[in-house]
């Protein structure tokens, strides 16, 4: 559902092929929140991961007004793609406040999000038991007991003048158990990462680091905001004028993945239940899965922009 390349002979993306036939040139996305408590096994999780509405929005999935944020004008003259990127007005984490001016790519397929290093440090500064690791492929990441995230302040983003909160439990990803004193302790890794420009020195594999850094430099965005943000809003993706809208989730949204129908859709669109990837039980060895998440994140970014 990304924008097509312009100024080239590349074919239109799927949604740009369809949008000319839509009376309402928008699509809406609802991503289901994880229904299991943080650290619980995922093998029995709901296979339905969200609702995609083409040619309109599903009014049953949100309440109130849609806050439209125009796509950022920070485009490089050397780039021949338009991204789903917006400007972040400001960031708060507890008593810590950070200025705006950040250019963020909004990516429905990114399992991790990239933020500035000072924001990353503020989020995880008070996480007890946090340890830094380096994977065999040369990727740096953090592991900590999942319970350490309880009670920590949320990450609050200001977009288009409206604040959106990501609770602390969504700033961690369960990766497996570690035996400590005969007891299995559930461990998580960070769902936020510092942008490659700032943590490049942590990468042992210079080729992998160069590839990630090149992606950020080419497209000139500062952050990537993925599923850990989008689970908390109903998002609307608009063709003209180009913008991304955010709305408050409705009480009905929690059951939407198992009861979605075409009713309640504005603009003549159709609601489609979109199954997520099959969840599998996490292995006790957490490092391999933790390292693979960021590789997958970069892959989906490339797919979104194609």
Protein backbone atom coordinates (compact mmCIF):
# COMPACT_ATOMS: atom_id res chain seq x y z
CA UNK A 1 0.00 0.00 0.00
CA UNK A 2 2.95 2.30 -0.56
CA UNK A 3 3.28 5.17 -2.99
CA UNK A 4 4.52 4.42 -6.48
CA UNK A 5 7.83 5.68 -7.74
CA UNK A 6 7.40 8.84 -9.75
CA UNK A 7 9.73 10.15 -12.42
CA UNK A 8 10.56 6.56 -13.38
CA UNK A 9 9.04 3.78 -15.46
CA UNK A 10 8.18 1.71 -12.37
CA UNK A 11 4.59 0.39 -12.27
CA UNK A 12 2.01 1.79 -9.89
CA UNK A 13 1.63 0.16 -6.50
CA UNK A 14 -1.52 -1.85 -5.79
CA UNK A 15 -3.46 0.87 -4.04
CA UNK A 16 -2.53 3.52 -6.61
CA UNK A 17 -3.90 1.24 -9.32
CA UNK A 18 -7.16 1.00 -7.37
CA UNK A 19 -7.54 4.53 -6.02
CA UNK A 20 -8.63 6.12 -9.29
CA UNK A 21 -11.79 4.01 -9.15
CA UNK A 22 -12.67 4.94 -5.57
CA UNK A 23 -15.21 7.65 -4.86
CA UNK A 24 -13.59 8.02 -1.44
CA UNK A 25 -9.83 7.97 -2.08
CA UNK A 26 -8.80 6.70 1.34
CA UNK A 27 -8.11 3.40 3.03
CA UNK A 28 -8.35 2.65 6.73
CA UNK A 29 -6.30 0.30 8.89
CA UNK A 30 -6.98 -1.15 12.30
CA UNK A 31 -4.25 -3.30 13.87
CA UNK A 32 -5.34 -5.57 16.70
CA UNK A 33 -3.68 -5.13 20.05
CA UNK A 34 -1.93 -8.13 21.54
CA UNK A 35 -4.60 -9.83 23.63
CA UNK A 36 -2.18 -11.82 25.77
CA UNK A 37 -0.35 -10.34 28.77
CA UNK A 38 3.24 -9.29 28.13
CA UNK A 39 5.50 -12.33 28.29
CA UNK A 40 2.79 -14.95 27.76
CA UNK A 41 3.29 -17.57 25.06
CA UNK A 42 1.93 -16.57 21.66
CA UNK A 43 1.09 -20.00 20.22
CA UNK A 44 -2.64 -19.63 20.93
CA UNK A 45 -3.01 -15.97 19.94
CA UNK A 46 -5.80 -14.70 17.66
CA UNK A 47 -4.76 -15.31 14.02
CA UNK A 48 -6.75 -12.28 12.85
CA UNK A 49 -4.42 -9.30 13.07
CA UNK A 50 -6.54 -6.38 11.90
CA UNK A 51 -9.02 -4.86 9.47
CA UNK A 52 -8.19 -3.20 6.15
CA UNK A 53 -10.90 -1.01 4.59
CA UNK A 54 -10.45 0.02 0.96
CA UNK A 55 -12.19 3.05 -0.54
CA UNK A 56 -13.27 4.55 2.76
CA UNK A 57 -13.10 4.07 6.51
CA UNK A 58 -14.87 1.75 8.94
CA UNK A 59 -16.79 4.06 11.27
CA UNK A 60 -17.38 1.23 13.75
CA UNK A 61 -13.68 1.07 14.58
CA UNK A 62 -13.12 4.64 15.76
CA UNK A 63 -14.82 7.48 17.60
CA UNK A 64 -14.58 11.25 17.27
CA UNK A 65 -12.82 13.20 14.57
CA UNK A 66 -9.95 12.03 12.39
CA UNK A 67 -6.82 14.13 12.92
CA UNK A 68 -5.20 14.46 9.49
CA UNK A 69 -1.45 15.10 9.41
CA UNK A 70 -0.15 16.13 5.97
CA UNK A 71 2.76 14.21 4.52
CA UNK A 72 6.04 15.93 5.31
CA UNK A 73 7.58 18.31 2.79
CA UNK A 74 11.03 17.08 3.78
CA UNK A 75 11.63 15.18 0.56
CA UNK A 76 15.05 14.82 -0.99
CA UNK A 77 15.38 16.03 -4.60
CA UNK A 78 17.33 12.85 -5.31
CA UNK A 79 14.56 10.52 -4.16
CA UNK A 80 12.00 9.25 -6.66
CA UNK A 81 9.52 7.84 -4.16
CA UNK A 82 6.93 9.45 -1.96
CA UNK A 83 6.83 7.93 1.51
CA UNK A 84 4.10 7.78 4.11
CA UNK A 85 6.14 10.20 6.23
CA UNK A 86 4.96 12.95 8.59
CA UNK A 87 6.52 15.48 10.95
CA UNK A 88 6.49 14.77 14.70
CA UNK A 89 5.64 17.90 16.72
CA UNK A 90 7.05 16.73 20.03
CA UNK A 91 7.81 13.79 22.35
CA UNK A 92 7.30 13.27 26.09
CA UNK A 93 8.47 10.46 28.37
CA UNK A 94 7.55 11.15 31.97
CA UNK A 95 9.22 14.46 32.88
CA UNK A 96 11.44 14.36 29.79
CA UNK A 97 10.38 16.52 26.85
CA UNK A 98 11.96 16.54 23.40
CA UNK A 99 11.49 19.11 20.63
CA UNK A 100 9.67 18.42 17.40
CA UNK A 101 10.93 18.64 13.85
CA UNK A 102 11.43 14.90 13.48
CA UNK A 103 10.51 13.32 10.14
CA UNK A 104 8.91 9.90 10.77
CA UNK A 105 7.98 7.13 8.35
CA UNK A 106 4.70 5.47 9.41
CA UNK A 107 4.99 1.75 8.62
CA UNK A 108 2.25 -0.82 9.30
CA UNK A 109 4.71 -3.67 8.75
CA UNK A 110 7.55 -2.62 11.05
CA UNK A 111 7.77 -4.83 14.18
CA UNK A 112 10.21 -2.37 15.77
CA UNK A 113 10.37 1.43 15.68
CA UNK A 114 13.42 3.64 15.27
CA UNK A 115 13.77 6.85 17.32
CA UNK A 116 16.53 9.28 18.26
CA UNK A 117 19.05 7.94 20.75
CA UNK A 118 18.10 10.45 23.47
CA UNK A 119 14.49 9.29 23.26
CA UNK A 120 15.57 5.64 23.33
CA UNK A 121 17.68 6.22 26.44
CA UNK A 122 14.86 8.05 28.21
CA UNK A 123 12.43 5.18 27.56
CA UNK A 124 14.70 2.42 28.88
CA UNK A 125 16.75 4.36 31.46
CA UNK A 126 14.83 2.95 34.43
CA UNK A 127 14.38 -0.62 33.19
CA UNK A 128 15.94 -2.86 35.84
CA UNK A 129 18.05 -5.81 34.75
CA UNK A 130 18.68 -4.43 31.26
CA UNK A 131 21.79 -5.83 29.57
CA UNK A 132 23.38 -5.04 26.22
CA UNK A 133 24.11 -7.89 23.82
CA UNK A 134 25.76 -8.36 20.45
CA UNK A 135 24.40 -11.07 18.16
CA UNK A 136 26.53 -13.38 16.03
CA UNK A 137 25.63 -11.27 12.99
CA UNK A 138 26.99 -8.19 14.69
CA UNK A 139 23.69 -6.60 15.70
CA UNK A 140 23.41 -4.82 19.07
CA UNK A 141 20.23 -5.13 21.18
CA UNK A 142 19.03 -5.10 24.79
CA UNK A 143 17.38 -7.80 26.91
CA UNK A 144 15.58 -7.36 30.23
CA UNK A 145 12.93 -9.05 32.40
CA UNK A 146 9.51 -8.27 30.91
CA UNK A 147 8.20 -7.37 34.36
CA UNK A 148 10.67 -4.46 34.48
CA UNK A 149 8.44 -2.45 32.12
CA UNK A 150 5.50 -2.38 34.54
CA UNK A 151 4.69 1.08 35.86
CA UNK A 152 7.08 2.97 33.59
CA UNK A 153 5.78 6.14 31.89
CA UNK A 154 4.34 5.92 28.38
CA UNK A 155 5.90 7.35 25.25
CA UNK A 156 3.73 10.31 24.21
CA UNK A 157 3.92 11.60 20.63
CA UNK A 158 2.41 14.87 19.41
CA UNK A 159 1.24 14.56 15.81
CA UNK A 160 -0.77 17.30 14.11
CA UNK A 161 -1.21 19.02 17.46
CA UNK A 162 -2.74 15.95 19.15
CA UNK A 163 -1.03 13.71 21.71
CA UNK A 164 -0.91 9.92 21.28
CA UNK A 165 0.30 7.62 24.04
CA UNK A 166 2.15 4.30 23.70
CA UNK A 167 2.01 2.44 27.05
CA UNK A 168 5.19 0.96 28.47
CA UNK A 169 4.08 -2.65 27.85
CA UNK A 170 4.10 -1.93 24.12
CA UNK A 171 7.71 -0.78 24.29
CA UNK A 172 8.91 -4.36 24.77
CA UNK A 173 8.78 -7.60 22.76
CA UNK A 174 8.70 -11.00 24.46
CA UNK A 175 11.49 -13.23 23.15
CA UNK A 176 11.79 -16.19 25.54
CA UNK A 177 12.59 -17.48 29.03
CA UNK A 178 15.81 -17.66 31.00
CA UNK A 179 16.33 -19.97 33.95
CA UNK A 180 17.33 -18.07 37.09
CA UNK A 181 17.56 -19.89 40.41
CA UNK A 182 15.42 -22.73 39.11
CA UNK A 183 12.72 -20.34 37.93
CA UNK A 184 11.82 -19.42 34.34
CA UNK A 185 11.98 -15.64 33.99
CA UNK A 186 10.27 -14.13 30.96
CA UNK A 187 12.59 -11.88 28.98
CA UNK A 188 11.84 -9.11 26.52
CA UNK A 189 13.83 -7.00 24.11
CA UNK A 190 13.39 -3.36 23.18
CA UNK A 191 10.68 -2.55 20.61
CA UNK A 192 12.31 0.85 20.07
CA UNK A 193 15.78 1.23 18.62
CA UNK A 194 18.08 4.19 18.12
CA UNK A 195 18.33 5.30 14.51
CA UNK A 196 21.33 3.86 12.64
CA UNK A 197 23.03 7.24 12.30
CA UNK A 198 23.38 7.33 16.08
CA UNK A 199 24.21 3.75 17.04
CA UNK A 200 26.26 2.75 14.01
CA UNK A 201 29.32 2.19 16.20
CA UNK A 202 27.52 -0.66 18.00
CA UNK A 203 27.39 -2.76 14.85
CA UNK A 204 30.24 -5.20 14.38
CA UNK A 205 29.17 -6.09 10.84
CA UNK A 206 30.03 -2.98 8.82
CA UNK A 207 28.23 -4.25 5.69
CA UNK A 208 24.93 -4.72 7.54
CA UNK A 209 25.33 -1.34 9.22
CA UNK A 210 26.04 0.35 5.91
CA UNK A 211 22.90 -1.09 4.35
CA UNK A 212 20.64 0.18 7.13
CA UNK A 213 22.36 3.56 7.23
CA UNK A 214 22.05 3.94 3.47
CA UNK A 215 18.29 3.38 3.64
CA UNK A 216 17.83 6.14 6.21
CA UNK A 217 20.19 8.51 4.38
CA UNK A 218 18.56 7.95 0.99
CA UNK A 219 15.02 8.58 2.16
CA UNK A 220 16.03 11.20 4.73
CA UNK A 221 13.58 10.21 7.43
CA UNK A 222 14.64 10.32 11.08
CA UNK A 223 12.29 7.79 12.64
CA UNK A 224 10.19 4.77 11.77
CA UNK A 225 6.96 4.35 13.75
CA UNK A 226 5.58 0.83 13.42
CA UNK A 227 2.93 -1.45 14.85
CA UNK A 228 3.61 -0.56 18.48
CA UNK A 229 2.23 2.90 17.75
CA UNK A 230 -0.41 2.01 15.17
CA UNK A 231 -2.12 -0.53 17.45
CA UNK A 232 -3.36 2.38 19.55
CA UNK A 233 -5.07 4.38 16.81
CA UNK A 234 -7.29 3.90 13.79
CA UNK A 235 -5.21 5.13 10.86
CA UNK A 236 -6.56 6.64 7.64
CA UNK A 237 -4.37 6.93 4.56
CA UNK A 238 -5.49 9.66 2.18
CA UNK A 239 -4.59 10.16 -1.48
CA UNK A 240 -5.38 13.86 -1.97
CA UNK A 241 -4.28 15.96 -0.31
CA UNK A 242 -1.69 13.37 0.81
CA UNK A 243 -2.06 12.81 4.54
CA UNK A 244 -2.30 10.22 7.30
CA UNK A 245 -5.19 10.53 9.72
CA UNK A 246 -5.40 9.18 13.26
CA UNK A 247 -8.54 8.59 15.32
CA UNK A 248 -9.36 7.17 18.75
CA UNK A 249 -10.25 3.48 18.74
CA UNK A 250 -13.85 2.60 19.52
CA UNK A 251 -14.91 0.04 22.16
CA UNK A 252 -16.01 -2.21 19.29
CA UNK A 253 -12.48 -2.30 17.85
CA UNK A 254 -11.35 -5.00 20.28
CA UNK A 255 -13.66 -7.55 18.64
CA UNK A 256 -13.31 -6.25 15.10
CA UNK A 257 -10.94 -8.96 13.86
CA UNK A 258 -13.53 -11.68 14.34
CA UNK A 259 -16.70 -9.78 13.40
CA UNK A 260 -15.77 -7.36 10.61
CA UNK A 261 -18.43 -6.77 7.97
CA UNK A 262 -19.08 -4.23 5.24
CA UNK A 263 -21.55 -2.27 7.36
CA UNK A 264 -20.39 0.93 8.99
CA UNK A 265 -18.01 1.70 6.14
CA UNK A 266 -18.01 5.30 4.91
CA UNK A 267 -17.35 6.03 1.26
CA UNK A 268 -18.59 2.74 -0.13
CA UNK A 269 -15.51 0.82 0.92
CA UNK A 270 -15.37 -2.80 2.00
CA UNK A 271 -14.03 -4.05 5.32
CA UNK A 272 -11.64 -6.95 4.98
CA UNK A 273 -10.34 -9.05 7.86
CA UNK A 274 -6.60 -9.36 7.40
CA UNK A 275 -4.95 -12.40 9.04
CA UNK A 276 -1.58 -11.89 10.63
CA UNK A 277 1.38 -14.19 10.25
CA UNK A 278 1.12 -17.45 12.16
CA UNK A 279 2.54 -17.02 15.64
CA UNK A 280 4.97 -19.62 16.95
CA UNK A 281 6.33 -20.32 20.39
CA UNK A 282 9.45 -18.32 21.13
CA UNK A 283 12.61 -20.35 21.77
CA UNK A 284 14.42 -20.13 25.05
CA UNK A 285 17.45 -18.75 23.22
CA UNK A 286 16.36 -15.16 22.76
CA UNK A 287 19.30 -13.71 20.86
CA UNK A 288 18.53 -15.11 17.39
CA UNK A 289 14.94 -13.91 17.38
CA UNK A 290 15.86 -10.52 18.78
CA UNK A 291 18.43 -9.95 16.08
CA UNK A 292 16.11 -11.04 13.31
CA UNK A 293 13.39 -8.52 14.14
CA UNK A 294 15.38 -5.53 12.92
CA UNK A 295 16.33 -7.25 9.69
CA UNK A 296 12.64 -7.93 9.10
CA UNK A 297 11.81 -4.31 9.91
CA UNK A 298 14.13 -3.02 7.21
CA UNK A 299 12.73 -5.55 4.75
CA UNK A 300 9.15 -4.42 5.25
CA UNK A 301 10.16 -0.79 4.87
CA UNK A 302 11.59 -1.60 1.47
CA UNK A 303 8.39 -3.44 0.57
CA UNK A 304 6.19 -0.55 1.66
CA UNK A 305 8.14 1.91 -0.45
CA UNK A 306 8.18 -0.27 -3.58
